[in-house]
Amino acid sequence: MSDRCLEDLGIPIYISSLGIKAGMLPTPVTVWRLVNLVPKIQPNLIPGWIAGKSTIIGAS
């Protein structure tokens, strides 16, 4: 499922607004943006990927 499909379902995707690029390590600036964004949007779920494996970082 692509980001566009999720957005079509009304699920916002914030990765592009953070400046994070696929396959690259996050910079301190992108981490700072994420830390500031999370309290504002109060997500129910934050997915994360580590070494090719999916994991749930946080859920409420």
C-alpha atoms as a PDB file:
ATOM      1  CA  MET A   1       0.000   0.000   0.000  1.00  0.00           C
ATOM      2  CA  SER A   2       1.457   3.355  -0.973  1.00  0.00           C
ATOM      3  CA  ASP A   3       1.397   6.622   0.962  1.00  0.00           C
ATOM      4  CA  ARG A   4      -1.076   7.985  -1.591  1.00  0.00           C
ATOM      5  CA  CYS A   5      -3.546   5.154  -0.864  1.00  0.00           C
ATOM      6  CA  LEU A   6      -3.359   5.864   2.854  1.00  0.00           C
ATOM      7  CA  GLU A   7      -3.951   9.571   2.272  1.00  0.00           C
ATOM      8  CA  ASP A   8      -6.941   8.700   0.057  1.00  0.00           C
ATOM      9  CA  LEU A   9      -8.386   6.896   3.096  1.00  0.00           C
ATOM     10  CA  GLY A  10      -7.989  10.052   5.192  1.00  0.00           C
ATOM     11  CA  ILE A  11      -4.828   8.890   6.975  1.00  0.00           C
ATOM     12  CA  PRO A  12      -2.236  11.721   6.920  1.00  0.00           C
ATOM     13  CA  ILE A  13       1.394  10.898   6.118  1.00  0.00           C
ATOM     14  CA  TYR A  14       3.991  13.251   7.639  1.00  0.00           C
ATOM     15  CA  ILE A  15       7.287  11.707   6.502  1.00  0.00           C
ATOM     16  CA  SER A  16       7.769  14.073   3.553  1.00  0.00           C
ATOM     17  CA  SER A  17       7.101  17.170   5.673  1.00  0.00           C
ATOM     18  CA  LEU A  18       9.858  16.082   8.083  1.00  0.00           C
ATOM     19  CA  GLY A  19      12.470  15.983   5.319  1.00  0.00           C
ATOM     20  CA  ILE A  20      13.287  12.290   5.859  1.00  0.00           C
ATOM     21  CA  LYS A  21      14.497  10.500   2.727  1.00  0.00           C
ATOM     22  CA  ALA A  22      14.064   6.761   2.150  1.00  0.00           C
ATOM     23  CA  GLY A  23      17.245   4.783   2.799  1.00  0.00           C
ATOM     24  CA  MET A  24      19.044   7.598   4.603  1.00  0.00           C
ATOM     25  CA  LEU A  25      19.766   8.031   8.284  1.00  0.00           C
ATOM     26  CA  PRO A  26      17.793  10.826   9.926  1.00  0.00           C
ATOM     27  CA  THR A  27      19.697  13.984  10.742  1.00  0.00           C
ATOM     28  CA  PRO A  28      19.444  15.753  14.101  1.00  0.00           C
ATOM     29  CA  VAL A  29      17.155  18.298  12.396  1.00  0.00           C
ATOM     30  CA  THR A  30      14.699  15.616  11.202  1.00  0.00           C
ATOM     31  CA  VAL A  31      14.690  13.979  14.637  1.00  0.00           C
ATOM     32  CA  TRP A  32      13.969  17.396  16.203  1.00  0.00           C
ATOM     33  CA  ARG A  33      11.097  17.954  13.754  1.00  0.00           C
ATOM     34  CA  LEU A  34       9.630  14.553  14.653  1.00  0.00           C
ATOM     35  CA  VAL A  35       9.962  15.199  18.397  1.00  0.00           C
ATOM     36  CA  ASN A  36       8.109  18.499  17.971  1.00  0.00           C
ATOM     37  CA  LEU A  37       5.450  17.081  15.628  1.00  0.00           C
ATOM     38  CA  VAL A  38       4.350  14.106  17.768  1.00  0.00           C
ATOM     39  CA  PRO A  39       2.770  16.137  20.619  1.00  0.00           C
ATOM     40  CA  LYS A  40       0.992  18.375  18.095  1.00  0.00           C
ATOM     41  CA  ILE A  41      -0.686  15.589  16.090  1.00  0.00           C
ATOM     42  CA  GLN A  42      -1.037  13.075  18.971  1.00  0.00           C
ATOM     43  CA  PRO A  43      -0.799   9.979  16.747  1.00  0.00           C
ATOM     44  CA  ASN A  44      -2.413   6.682  17.667  1.00  0.00           C
ATOM     45  CA  LEU A  45       0.394   4.759  15.997  1.00  0.00           C
ATOM     46  CA  ILE A  46       3.996   5.464  14.974  1.00  0.00           C
ATOM     47  CA  PRO A  47       5.409   2.705  12.746  1.00  0.00           C
ATOM     48  CA  GLY A  48       9.153   2.240  12.521  1.00  0.00           C
ATOM     49  CA  TRP A  49      11.563   0.138  10.520  1.00  0.00           C
ATOM     50  CA  ILE A  50      14.825  -1.340  11.775  1.00  0.00           C
ATOM     51  CA  ALA A  51      17.191  -3.340   9.538  1.00  0.00           C
ATOM     52  CA  GLY A  52      14.413  -4.396   7.184  1.00  0.00           C
ATOM     53  CA  LYS A  53      12.011  -5.433   9.940  1.00  0.00           C
ATOM     54  CA  SER A  54       8.830  -3.624  10.860  1.00  0.00           C
ATOM     55  CA  THR A  55       8.151  -2.739  14.459  1.00  0.00           C
ATOM     56  CA  ILE A  56       5.672  -0.611  16.372  1.00  0.00           C
ATOM     57  CA  ILE A  57       7.461   2.253  18.128  1.00  0.00           C
ATOM     58  CA  GLY A  58       4.431   3.490  20.016  1.00  0.00           C
ATOM     59  CA  ALA A  59       0.679   3.089  20.135  1.00  0.00           C
ATOM     60  CA  SER A  60      -2.010   4.595  22.290  1.00  0.00           C
END
